[in-house]
């Protein structure tokens, strides 16, 4: 196990990669296919890109939005943003125009680094974003600026700029390092302010809990780059092998070839793998654990993987407001189905939903957390207003603690739910549905799904008589064009009127209980 000590008080986010380059300069930090980047090379690239970002951003403290693609260049951009004295804004590459407009406007991003597919979406809304000075098109081969009036070949600094970028930027560890947008119960994405201390502490907490050190090799089969995986591996000095794509059998082969000690994947992929008849022919020869997170991995699937591969299937629990990790099941623990124990210096308590008092052991209630990884606050709100008087954060999730202190997450108190690894806010989907001319009213809730956790289920009431099959087809085409893939409606039911409570409110949990067992139309 690695050393449990948390980071020194002054460590900044870009200091993670500087520290790794000093301790393990020749060790491979990131590998994607045939591309391999050592920690020394990554640190040098961070210096160069930081100088380029300074030129584009125009001033320290600016927000720079970057698409979180699973590529070594994202790591360079992420750490370079901190080293340039600016704040990184994480952009989900699947965002559509409305989501991009909101994130870029609220964060007041001056630079956006996007994929080629995203560029047209940003161009469509560019006039609505007066703060956005430069748009950079990101691809695996280069970083090129596509500005309104000029184009440059890359963000790499000119030789005479490197001196200005070679030293760490003096930064308050309690200053905001990253804005991560998440969804609240109203569906309006909120900007979570994560400090350098939040992120570096959580990197150390996560690496220790996952048994990661400078001899570890992680196989990362995720659609996007999640900061917890990047930062924890850099803190530990581990090698990250990146494997974008859905082919789990090929990912397992790559893990074996790389000598991976840790295999990271999505719950939906692992659940499908556990149910695949081809599982009997697959092996993991060097991995010490299968790590799942973001949403629940069904216990049945976890047990099937553990029995077949003879290694633990480990889950964790976290949220953006906690940088994100709160608990992780220890490899070799006997808590299948749990999210494990709190990470170092972190406390978890369960609060009765009705009384607000601490719930007894084993009883369900709202999950409250306290620790050094809990966010600074939401952008635009007073710092600390998200905490109660004793410094606890109410998560909005429901769970229980077993007698040994393991956390089991059982439900979401809010209306927001997770599909695969992405948060879906029903209000955002409803806003798009309501724009369809045939829809009089609508309601969206999370429909339980054995692979994805929950998927969107929409009820629609029509404005007048119509061919229901044709309307359903039209509504699907309309919404699919305007929603990210993870937001797209999986089940659609036509009703005479959306059921409401006596005071006129939509009660999504009641709708799930009423309509989830049987649907009229499903994707």
Protein backbone atom coordinates (compact mmCIF):
# COMPACT_ATOMS: atom_id res chain seq x y z
CA UNK A 1 0.00 0.00 0.00
CA UNK A 2 1.24 3.55 -0.70
CA UNK A 3 1.94 6.02 2.05
CA UNK A 4 -1.28 7.46 3.47
CA UNK A 5 0.09 10.95 4.16
CA UNK A 6 -1.94 13.72 2.55
CA UNK A 7 -0.23 16.36 0.38
CA UNK A 8 1.89 19.12 1.82
CA UNK A 9 -0.26 22.21 2.48
CA UNK A 10 1.10 24.30 -0.40
CA UNK A 11 0.78 21.76 -3.20
CA UNK A 12 -1.14 23.02 -6.23
CA UNK A 13 -2.79 21.02 -9.00
CA UNK A 14 0.06 21.59 -11.47
CA UNK A 15 2.44 20.80 -8.61
CA UNK A 16 1.22 17.21 -8.82
CA UNK A 17 2.86 16.72 -12.20
CA UNK A 18 5.98 18.74 -11.19
CA UNK A 19 6.34 16.49 -8.13
CA UNK A 20 5.94 13.35 -10.25
CA UNK A 21 8.51 14.58 -12.80
CA UNK A 22 11.04 15.17 -10.03
CA UNK A 23 10.46 11.77 -8.40
CA UNK A 24 9.88 9.54 -11.46
CA UNK A 25 11.12 11.46 -14.54
CA UNK A 26 11.57 8.44 -16.84
CA UNK A 27 8.46 6.56 -15.78
CA UNK A 28 5.65 6.47 -18.35
CA UNK A 29 2.84 8.69 -17.16
CA UNK A 30 0.33 8.18 -19.98
CA UNK A 31 0.02 5.78 -22.87
CA UNK A 32 -2.53 5.82 -25.68
CA UNK A 33 -1.88 3.23 -28.37
CA UNK A 34 1.70 3.74 -29.52
CA UNK A 35 2.01 7.15 -27.86
CA UNK A 36 3.81 7.15 -24.52
CA UNK A 37 4.59 10.22 -22.42
CA UNK A 38 6.99 10.14 -19.47
CA UNK A 39 6.46 12.29 -16.41
CA UNK A 40 9.41 14.49 -17.41
CA UNK A 41 7.96 14.94 -20.90
CA UNK A 42 4.50 15.69 -19.52
CA UNK A 43 5.89 18.34 -17.18
CA UNK A 44 7.83 19.99 -20.03
CA UNK A 45 4.72 20.02 -22.20
CA UNK A 46 2.74 21.57 -19.35
CA UNK A 47 5.29 24.39 -19.23
CA UNK A 48 5.00 24.98 -22.96
CA UNK A 49 1.22 24.87 -23.12
CA UNK A 50 0.96 27.11 -20.05
CA UNK A 51 2.86 29.83 -21.91
CA UNK A 52 0.50 29.49 -24.87
CA UNK A 53 -2.54 29.70 -22.61
CA UNK A 54 -1.19 32.86 -20.98
CA UNK A 55 -1.06 34.49 -24.41
CA UNK A 56 -4.63 33.48 -25.23
CA UNK A 57 -6.30 34.09 -21.86
CA UNK A 58 -4.92 37.59 -21.49
CA UNK A 59 -4.85 37.69 -17.69
CA UNK A 60 -4.40 35.49 -14.64
CA UNK A 61 -7.55 34.10 -13.06
CA UNK A 62 -9.38 33.60 -16.36
CA UNK A 63 -11.54 30.56 -16.98
CA UNK A 64 -10.35 28.16 -19.68
CA UNK A 65 -12.83 25.48 -20.76
CA UNK A 66 -11.41 22.16 -21.97
CA UNK A 67 -13.20 19.12 -23.38
CA UNK A 68 -12.36 16.14 -21.18
CA UNK A 69 -11.29 13.77 -23.96
CA UNK A 70 -9.42 10.59 -23.01
CA UNK A 71 -6.10 11.68 -24.45
CA UNK A 72 -2.67 12.64 -23.04
CA UNK A 73 -3.08 16.16 -24.40
CA UNK A 74 -6.01 16.73 -22.05
CA UNK A 75 -3.64 16.09 -19.14
CA UNK A 76 -1.22 18.68 -20.52
CA UNK A 77 -4.03 21.21 -20.94
CA UNK A 78 -5.46 20.53 -17.49
CA UNK A 79 -2.20 21.01 -15.62
CA UNK A 80 -1.08 23.85 -17.93
CA UNK A 81 -4.24 25.81 -17.11
CA UNK A 82 -3.32 25.73 -13.42
CA UNK A 83 0.32 26.55 -14.15
CA UNK A 84 -0.73 29.51 -16.27
CA UNK A 85 -2.58 30.96 -13.27
CA UNK A 86 -6.04 30.29 -14.68
CA UNK A 87 -9.08 28.17 -13.77
CA UNK A 88 -10.01 25.06 -15.73
CA UNK A 89 -13.65 24.49 -16.68
CA UNK A 90 -14.38 20.86 -17.55
CA UNK A 91 -16.47 20.45 -20.71
CA UNK A 92 -18.30 17.23 -21.48
CA UNK A 93 -17.72 16.57 -25.22
CA UNK A 94 -21.29 15.26 -25.51
CA UNK A 95 -22.82 18.64 -24.59
CA UNK A 96 -25.19 20.19 -27.10
CA UNK A 97 -25.53 23.90 -27.85
CA UNK A 98 -27.76 24.80 -24.90
CA UNK A 99 -25.48 23.09 -22.39
CA UNK A 100 -22.35 24.62 -23.90
CA UNK A 101 -23.91 28.07 -23.88
CA UNK A 102 -24.78 27.76 -20.20
CA UNK A 103 -21.39 26.46 -19.07
CA UNK A 104 -19.34 28.90 -21.12
CA UNK A 105 -21.52 31.87 -20.16
CA UNK A 106 -21.73 31.17 -16.42
CA UNK A 107 -18.00 30.42 -16.17
CA UNK A 108 -17.20 33.45 -18.37
CA UNK A 109 -14.62 31.33 -20.17
CA UNK A 110 -12.21 33.31 -22.31
CA UNK A 111 -10.73 30.26 -24.06
CA UNK A 112 -12.46 27.01 -25.03
CA UNK A 113 -10.59 23.92 -26.20
CA UNK A 114 -13.04 21.62 -27.97
CA UNK A 115 -13.13 18.59 -30.24
CA UNK A 116 -13.69 19.01 -33.94
CA UNK A 117 -17.25 17.72 -33.46
CA UNK A 118 -17.91 20.37 -30.80
CA UNK A 119 -16.50 23.24 -32.82
CA UNK A 120 -19.60 23.70 -34.98
CA UNK A 121 -21.80 23.74 -31.87
CA UNK A 122 -19.66 26.45 -30.28
CA UNK A 123 -19.57 28.43 -33.53
CA UNK A 124 -23.39 28.39 -33.59
CA UNK A 125 -23.59 30.07 -30.15
CA UNK A 126 -20.43 32.20 -30.40
CA UNK A 127 -22.34 35.48 -30.65
CA UNK A 128 -23.99 34.74 -27.28
CA UNK A 129 -20.62 34.51 -25.51
CA UNK A 130 -18.97 37.94 -25.31
CA UNK A 131 -16.25 36.71 -22.92
CA UNK A 132 -15.06 33.96 -25.28
CA UNK A 133 -11.93 35.29 -27.00
CA UNK A 134 -10.50 32.13 -28.56
CA UNK A 135 -11.71 28.67 -29.57
CA UNK A 136 -9.07 25.97 -29.85
CA UNK A 137 -9.77 22.83 -31.85
CA UNK A 138 -8.41 19.79 -30.06
CA UNK A 139 -7.50 16.52 -31.74
CA UNK A 140 -5.04 13.73 -30.97
CA UNK A 141 -2.38 15.21 -33.25
CA UNK A 142 -2.36 18.91 -32.46
CA UNK A 143 -3.82 21.84 -30.63
CA UNK A 144 -4.83 24.54 -33.10
CA UNK A 145 -6.53 27.84 -32.55
CA UNK A 146 -9.58 28.63 -34.66
CA UNK A 147 -10.14 32.25 -33.72
CA UNK A 148 -12.51 34.71 -35.31
CA UNK A 149 -9.77 36.68 -37.06
CA UNK A 150 -6.67 34.51 -36.92
CA UNK A 151 -5.43 30.93 -36.82
CA UNK A 152 -2.27 29.60 -35.18
CA UNK A 153 -0.77 26.16 -35.53
CA UNK A 154 -0.48 25.20 -31.88
CA UNK A 155 -0.44 26.29 -28.28
CA UNK A 156 3.21 25.32 -27.87
CA UNK A 157 5.23 28.27 -26.69
CA UNK A 158 7.86 29.97 -28.77
CA UNK A 159 11.40 29.38 -27.40
CA UNK A 160 11.63 32.83 -25.80
CA UNK A 161 8.39 32.22 -23.91
CA UNK A 162 9.53 29.05 -22.17
CA UNK A 163 11.49 30.84 -19.50
CA UNK A 164 8.37 32.58 -18.28
CA UNK A 165 6.56 29.26 -18.03
CA UNK A 166 9.29 27.14 -16.47
CA UNK A 167 8.51 27.95 -12.85
CA UNK A 168 5.36 27.09 -10.93
CA UNK A 169 2.85 29.89 -10.67
CA UNK A 170 2.56 31.08 -7.08
CA UNK A 171 -0.98 30.11 -6.20
CA UNK A 172 -3.00 30.05 -3.03
CA UNK A 173 -3.86 26.36 -2.46
CA UNK A 174 -7.31 27.48 -1.35
CA UNK A 175 -7.94 29.38 -4.59
CA UNK A 176 -10.31 27.91 -7.13
CA UNK A 177 -8.50 25.58 -9.52
CA UNK A 178 -11.43 24.01 -11.35
CA UNK A 179 -15.08 24.65 -12.13
CA UNK A 180 -17.07 21.48 -12.57
CA UNK A 181 -20.69 21.82 -13.61
CA UNK A 182 -23.22 19.52 -12.08
CA UNK A 183 -27.01 19.38 -11.97
CA UNK A 184 -29.15 20.48 -9.05
CA UNK A 185 -32.66 19.37 -8.26
CA UNK A 186 -34.06 22.14 -10.47
CA UNK A 187 -32.04 20.82 -13.39
CA UNK A 188 -30.04 24.04 -13.84
CA UNK A 189 -26.33 23.10 -13.93
CA UNK A 190 -24.35 24.72 -11.11
CA UNK A 191 -20.64 25.47 -11.11
CA UNK A 192 -18.82 23.64 -8.31
CA UNK A 193 -15.68 25.50 -7.21
CA UNK A 194 -12.89 23.03 -6.42
CA UNK A 195 -9.69 24.39 -4.94
CA UNK A 196 -6.13 23.20 -5.45
CA UNK A 197 -6.26 21.74 -1.93
CA UNK A 198 -9.55 19.93 -2.62
CA UNK A 199 -8.14 18.25 -5.72
CA UNK A 200 -4.65 17.39 -4.47
CA UNK A 201 -5.96 16.01 -1.19
CA UNK A 202 -8.53 13.88 -3.00
CA UNK A 203 -5.81 12.59 -5.33
CA UNK A 204 -3.87 11.27 -2.33
CA UNK A 205 -7.01 9.95 -0.62
CA UNK A 206 -8.03 8.05 -3.75
CA UNK A 207 -4.58 6.62 -4.50
CA UNK A 208 -4.25 5.27 -0.98
CA UNK A 209 -7.74 3.78 -0.88
CA UNK A 210 -7.20 2.05 -4.23
CA UNK A 211 -3.80 0.67 -3.27
CA UNK A 212 -2.01 2.64 -5.97
CA UNK A 213 1.73 3.42 -5.96
CA UNK A 214 4.63 4.05 -8.34
CA UNK A 215 4.58 0.41 -9.44
CA UNK A 216 0.92 0.51 -10.46
CA UNK A 217 -0.42 0.43 -14.01
CA UNK A 218 -4.03 1.47 -14.58
CA UNK A 219 -6.13 0.54 -17.61
CA UNK A 220 -8.63 3.34 -18.02
CA UNK A 221 -11.61 2.32 -20.20
CA UNK A 222 -13.79 5.36 -19.74
CA UNK A 223 -15.44 7.59 -22.36
CA UNK A 224 -14.00 10.76 -20.82
CA UNK A 225 -11.07 11.79 -18.64
CA UNK A 226 -12.23 12.00 -15.04
CA UNK A 227 -10.00 14.15 -12.85
CA UNK A 228 -9.98 11.63 -10.00
CA UNK A 229 -8.25 9.05 -12.23
CA UNK A 230 -5.78 11.53 -13.66
CA UNK A 231 -4.81 13.19 -10.38
CA UNK A 232 -4.65 10.06 -8.23
CA UNK A 233 -2.37 8.25 -10.70
CA UNK A 234 -0.07 11.28 -10.99
CA UNK A 235 0.08 11.59 -7.20
CA UNK A 236 1.07 7.91 -6.94
CA UNK A 237 3.49 7.94 -9.87
CA UNK A 238 1.46 5.26 -11.64
CA UNK A 239 1.26 4.64 -15.38
CA UNK A 240 -2.13 5.24 -17.02
CA UNK A 241 -2.99 3.23 -20.12
CA UNK A 242 -5.89 4.96 -21.89
CA UNK A 243 -8.38 2.81 -23.78
CA UNK A 244 -11.26 4.79 -25.34
CA UNK A 245 -14.01 2.74 -26.91
CA UNK A 246 -16.70 0.24 -26.01
CA UNK A 247 -14.90 -3.03 -26.79
CA UNK A 248 -14.49 -4.48 -23.31
CA UNK A 249 -12.92 -7.74 -24.52
CA UNK A 250 -10.22 -5.74 -26.32
CA UNK A 251 -9.76 -3.58 -23.21
CA UNK A 252 -9.17 -6.68 -21.09
CA UNK A 253 -6.58 -7.90 -23.59
CA UNK A 254 -4.87 -4.49 -23.47
CA UNK A 255 -4.88 -4.61 -19.67
CA UNK A 256 -3.13 -7.98 -19.72
CA UNK A 257 -0.57 -6.81 -22.28
CA UNK A 258 0.19 -3.69 -20.22
CA UNK A 259 0.46 -5.62 -16.95
CA UNK A 260 -2.35 -3.50 -15.50
CA UNK A 261 -2.79 -3.68 -11.74
CA UNK A 262 -6.02 -1.64 -11.77
CA UNK A 263 -8.83 -1.94 -14.33
CA UNK A 264 -11.26 1.01 -14.46
CA UNK A 265 -14.53 0.84 -16.37
CA UNK A 266 -18.12 2.05 -16.30
CA UNK A 267 -20.81 0.18 -14.37
CA UNK A 268 -22.87 -0.21 -17.55
CA UNK A 269 -19.99 -1.91 -19.35
CA UNK A 270 -19.19 -4.12 -16.38
CA UNK A 271 -22.84 -5.14 -15.98
CA UNK A 272 -23.01 -6.10 -19.64
CA UNK A 273 -19.71 -7.96 -19.36
CA UNK A 274 -21.05 -9.94 -16.39
CA UNK A 275 -24.11 -10.97 -18.43
CA UNK A 276 -22.17 -11.77 -21.62
CA UNK A 277 -21.94 -15.50 -22.46
CA UNK A 278 -18.45 -14.75 -23.78
CA UNK A 279 -17.23 -13.90 -20.27
CA UNK A 280 -16.06 -17.50 -19.80
CA UNK A 281 -13.34 -16.96 -22.41
CA UNK A 282 -11.94 -13.73 -20.94
CA UNK A 283 -9.14 -13.32 -18.39
CA UNK A 284 -7.49 -10.61 -16.31
CA UNK A 285 -4.02 -11.92 -15.54
CA UNK A 286 -2.31 -9.09 -13.63
CA UNK A 287 -5.09 -6.88 -12.24
CA UNK A 288 -5.58 -6.77 -8.48
CA UNK A 289 -9.06 -5.32 -8.78
CA UNK A 290 -11.84 -4.14 -11.06
CA UNK A 291 -12.83 -0.59 -10.16
CA UNK A 292 -16.29 0.80 -10.91
CA UNK A 293 -17.73 4.19 -10.07
CA UNK A 294 -20.08 6.98 -11.04
CA UNK A 295 -23.23 4.92 -10.55
CA UNK A 296 -24.13 1.66 -8.89
CA UNK A 297 -22.80 -1.67 -10.15
CA UNK A 298 -25.54 -4.23 -9.42
CA UNK A 299 -24.39 -6.68 -6.71
CA UNK A 300 -25.25 -9.63 -8.94
CA UNK A 301 -22.92 -8.34 -11.65
CA UNK A 302 -20.17 -7.61 -9.13
CA UNK A 303 -20.39 -11.14 -7.73
CA UNK A 304 -20.29 -12.66 -11.22
CA UNK A 305 -17.13 -10.72 -12.11
CA UNK A 306 -15.47 -11.54 -8.80
CA UNK A 307 -16.22 -15.25 -9.14
CA UNK A 308 -14.96 -15.37 -12.72
CA UNK A 309 -11.82 -13.23 -12.48
CA UNK A 310 -11.00 -14.16 -8.84
CA UNK A 311 -10.35 -10.52 -7.94
CA UNK A 312 -12.55 -7.99 -6.14
CA UNK A 313 -14.96 -5.72 -8.02
CA UNK A 314 -14.58 -2.45 -6.13
CA UNK A 315 -17.03 0.45 -6.02
CA UNK A 316 -16.83 3.92 -4.58
CA UNK A 317 -19.13 6.82 -3.85
CA UNK A 318 -18.55 10.44 -4.62
CA UNK A 319 -19.98 13.63 -6.02
CA UNK A 320 -18.58 16.66 -7.81
CA UNK A 321 -18.88 18.69 -4.62
CA UNK A 322 -16.35 16.36 -2.94
CA UNK A 323 -13.69 16.43 -5.69
CA UNK A 324 -15.26 13.71 -6.07
CA UNK A 325 -14.34 10.70 -3.89
CA UNK A 326 -15.91 10.15 -0.45
CA UNK A 327 -15.75 6.38 0.04
CA UNK A 328 -14.05 3.45 -1.69
CA UNK A 329 -14.41 -0.24 -0.98
CA UNK A 330 -11.02 -1.68 -0.08
CA UNK A 331 -9.66 -4.35 -2.46
CA UNK A 332 -10.22 -7.69 -0.78
CA UNK A 333 -13.01 -6.35 1.41
CA UNK A 334 -16.12 -8.50 1.84
CA UNK A 335 -18.60 -5.71 1.25
CA UNK A 336 -19.97 -6.63 -2.20
CA UNK A 337 -22.65 -4.12 -3.09
CA UNK A 338 -21.29 -1.44 -0.80
CA UNK A 339 -19.42 1.73 -1.71
CA UNK A 340 -16.85 1.01 0.96
CA UNK A 341 -15.35 3.04 3.77
CA UNK A 342 -14.67 6.80 3.97
CA UNK A 343 -11.30 7.79 2.53
CA UNK A 344 -8.63 9.35 4.78
CA UNK A 345 -9.66 12.34 6.91
CA UNK A 346 -13.28 12.01 5.75
CA UNK A 347 -16.42 11.52 7.80
CA UNK A 348 -19.82 10.21 6.71
CA UNK A 349 -23.04 10.30 8.70
CA UNK A 350 -26.62 9.31 7.92
CA UNK A 351 -29.39 11.76 8.83
CA UNK A 352 -33.04 10.81 9.25
CA UNK A 353 -35.04 12.28 6.36
CA UNK A 354 -37.88 13.41 8.60
CA UNK A 355 -36.27 14.46 11.89
CA UNK A 356 -32.82 15.61 10.80
CA UNK A 357 -31.28 13.60 13.64
CA UNK A 358 -28.52 11.02 13.18
CA UNK A 359 -30.04 7.75 11.99
CA UNK A 360 -29.20 4.53 13.85
CA UNK A 361 -26.76 2.04 12.29
CA UNK A 362 -28.34 0.26 9.35
CA UNK A 363 -31.17 2.77 8.92
CA UNK A 364 -31.62 4.75 5.70
CA UNK A 365 -31.27 8.51 5.61
CA UNK A 366 -29.60 11.35 3.77
CA UNK A 367 -25.82 11.06 3.38
CA UNK A 368 -23.82 13.91 4.92
CA UNK A 369 -20.04 14.22 4.39
CA UNK A 370 -17.23 16.27 5.89
CA UNK A 371 -13.60 16.40 4.83
CA UNK A 372 -10.81 18.47 3.21
CA UNK A 373 -11.98 17.51 -0.30
CA UNK A 374 -15.39 19.19 0.08
CA UNK A 375 -15.75 22.09 -2.34
CA UNK A 376 -15.20 25.77 -1.69
CA UNK A 377 -18.80 26.42 -2.76
CA UNK A 378 -20.97 27.07 -5.79
CA UNK A 379 -19.97 29.89 -8.14
CA UNK A 380 -22.05 32.98 -7.45
CA UNK A 381 -22.99 31.91 -3.93
CA UNK A 382 -21.25 32.86 -0.65
CA UNK A 383 -18.39 30.54 0.29
CA UNK A 384 -19.47 28.10 2.96
CA UNK A 385 -23.18 28.53 2.35
CA UNK A 386 -23.35 24.91 1.19
CA UNK A 387 -22.34 23.64 4.65
CA UNK A 388 -24.27 23.44 7.90
CA UNK A 389 -22.98 25.05 11.10
CA UNK A 390 -20.77 22.05 11.87
CA UNK A 391 -19.22 21.96 8.39
CA UNK A 392 -21.25 19.04 6.97
CA UNK A 393 -22.35 18.85 3.33
CA UNK A 394 -25.81 17.42 2.65
CA UNK A 395 -25.43 15.32 -0.50
CA UNK A 396 -29.07 14.79 -1.45
CA UNK A 397 -28.37 11.05 -1.71
CA UNK A 398 -29.94 8.39 0.48
CA UNK A 399 -28.01 5.51 2.00
CA UNK A 400 -27.10 3.56 5.11
CA UNK A 401 -23.98 2.56 7.04
CA UNK A 402 -23.50 -1.05 8.09
CA UNK A 403 -22.09 -1.89 11.56
CA UNK A 404 -18.52 -1.92 10.18
CA UNK A 405 -18.91 1.56 8.68
CA UNK A 406 -19.36 0.65 5.01
CA UNK A 407 -21.64 2.93 3.03
CA UNK A 408 -24.51 1.59 0.92
CA UNK A 409 -26.15 4.12 -1.42
CA UNK A 410 -29.78 3.21 -1.99
CA UNK A 411 -31.49 6.14 -3.73
CA UNK A 412 -31.34 9.78 -4.71
CA UNK A 413 -33.29 12.28 -2.72
CA UNK A 414 -33.32 14.72 -5.56
CA UNK A 415 -34.94 14.23 -8.93
CA UNK A 416 -31.61 14.04 -10.71
CA UNK A 417 -30.45 10.55 -11.65
CA UNK A 418 -27.45 8.95 -13.30
CA UNK A 419 -27.43 7.18 -16.62
CA UNK A 420 -24.23 5.19 -16.91
CA UNK A 421 -21.74 7.73 -15.55
CA UNK A 422 -23.61 10.96 -16.42
CA UNK A 423 -26.07 13.01 -14.41
CA UNK A 424 -29.44 13.57 -16.08
CA UNK A 425 -31.59 16.47 -14.88
CA UNK A 426 -35.26 15.80 -15.77
CA UNK A 427 -35.98 19.53 -16.05
CA UNK A 428 -33.43 19.88 -18.87
CA UNK A 429 -35.05 17.07 -20.85
CA UNK A 430 -38.53 18.46 -20.13
CA UNK A 431 -37.51 21.88 -21.45
CA UNK A 432 -36.63 20.32 -24.82
CA UNK A 433 -39.78 18.17 -24.86
CA UNK A 434 -42.00 21.13 -24.09
CA UNK A 435 -40.68 22.91 -27.19
CA UNK A 436 -42.23 20.29 -29.47
CA UNK A 437 -45.46 21.72 -30.95
CA UNK A 438 -47.46 18.53 -30.29
CA UNK A 439 -46.59 18.32 -26.57
CA UNK A 440 -49.03 19.97 -24.16
CA UNK A 441 -47.27 18.92 -20.98
CA UNK A 442 -44.63 16.42 -19.99
CA UNK A 443 -42.72 14.87 -17.12
CA UNK A 444 -39.44 12.97 -17.06
CA UNK A 445 -38.13 10.58 -14.43
CA UNK A 446 -35.45 7.94 -14.05
CA UNK A 447 -36.54 4.50 -15.18
CA UNK A 448 -34.52 1.69 -13.51
CA UNK A 449 -32.29 -0.11 -16.00
CA UNK A 450 -30.21 -3.23 -15.29
CA UNK A 451 -27.20 -1.92 -17.20
CA UNK A 452 -27.29 1.88 -17.07
CA UNK A 453 -28.68 2.43 -13.57
CA UNK A 454 -31.51 4.67 -14.75
CA UNK A 455 -32.59 5.95 -18.17
CA UNK A 456 -34.97 8.82 -19.02
CA UNK A 457 -38.64 7.91 -19.17
CA UNK A 458 -40.92 10.66 -20.50
CA UNK A 459 -44.66 11.05 -20.14
CA UNK A 460 -46.25 13.34 -22.72
CA UNK A 461 -49.78 14.66 -23.06
CA UNK A 462 -50.69 15.84 -26.55
CA UNK A 463 -52.29 19.12 -27.55
CA UNK A 464 -54.98 17.39 -29.58
CA UNK A 465 -55.94 14.21 -31.46
CA UNK A 466 -53.04 12.77 -33.43
CA UNK A 467 -51.51 9.57 -34.77
CA UNK A 468 -49.64 8.52 -31.62
CA UNK A 469 -47.05 6.40 -33.41
CA UNK A 470 -46.20 9.26 -35.75
CA UNK A 471 -46.05 11.77 -32.89
CA UNK A 472 -43.75 9.47 -30.90
CA UNK A 473 -41.43 9.16 -33.89
CA UNK A 474 -41.45 12.92 -34.42
CA UNK A 475 -40.80 13.63 -30.74
CA UNK A 476 -37.89 11.21 -30.70
CA UNK A 477 -36.27 12.82 -33.76
CA UNK A 478 -36.87 16.28 -32.29
CA UNK A 479 -35.39 15.55 -28.87
CA UNK A 480 -32.51 13.36 -30.07
CA UNK A 481 -31.25 16.26 -32.16
CA UNK A 482 -31.25 18.58 -29.15
CA UNK A 483 -30.09 16.37 -26.28
CA UNK A 484 -26.79 14.76 -25.41
CA UNK A 485 -26.76 11.01 -25.91
CA UNK A 486 -27.00 10.27 -22.20
CA UNK A 487 -30.05 12.60 -21.93
CA UNK A 488 -31.99 10.97 -24.75
CA UNK A 489 -35.35 9.45 -23.91
CA UNK A 490 -35.33 5.68 -23.57
CA UNK A 491 -39.01 5.18 -22.72
CA UNK A 492 -41.89 7.32 -23.98
CA UNK A 493 -45.48 7.02 -22.79
CA UNK A 494 -48.45 9.01 -24.10
CA UNK A 495 -50.93 9.92 -21.34
CA UNK A 496 -54.12 11.97 -21.21
CA UNK A 497 -52.56 14.19 -18.55
CA UNK A 498 -49.39 14.11 -16.46
CA UNK A 499 -50.27 12.86 -12.94
CA UNK A 500 -49.66 15.47 -10.27
CA UNK A 501 -50.01 15.83 -6.53
CA UNK A 502 -52.93 17.71 -5.00
CA UNK A 503 -50.88 20.90 -5.00
CA UNK A 504 -50.01 20.48 -8.69
CA UNK A 505 -46.46 19.17 -8.34
CA UNK A 506 -44.97 16.33 -10.35
CA UNK A 507 -43.82 13.58 -7.99
CA UNK A 508 -41.19 11.71 -9.94
CA UNK A 509 -40.73 8.86 -7.50
CA UNK A 510 -44.45 8.12 -7.66
CA UNK A 511 -44.30 8.23 -11.46
CA UNK A 512 -41.43 5.76 -11.47
CA UNK A 513 -43.39 3.37 -9.27
CA UNK A 514 -46.49 3.74 -11.45
CA UNK A 515 -45.01 3.66 -14.96
CA UNK A 516 -41.62 1.92 -14.79
CA UNK A 517 -42.97 -1.67 -14.66
CA UNK A 518 -44.67 -1.31 -18.07
CA UNK A 519 -44.03 1.10 -20.93
CA UNK A 520 -45.83 1.61 -24.18
CA UNK A 521 -42.80 2.52 -26.25
CA UNK A 522 -39.12 2.05 -25.50
CA UNK A 523 -35.85 2.62 -27.26
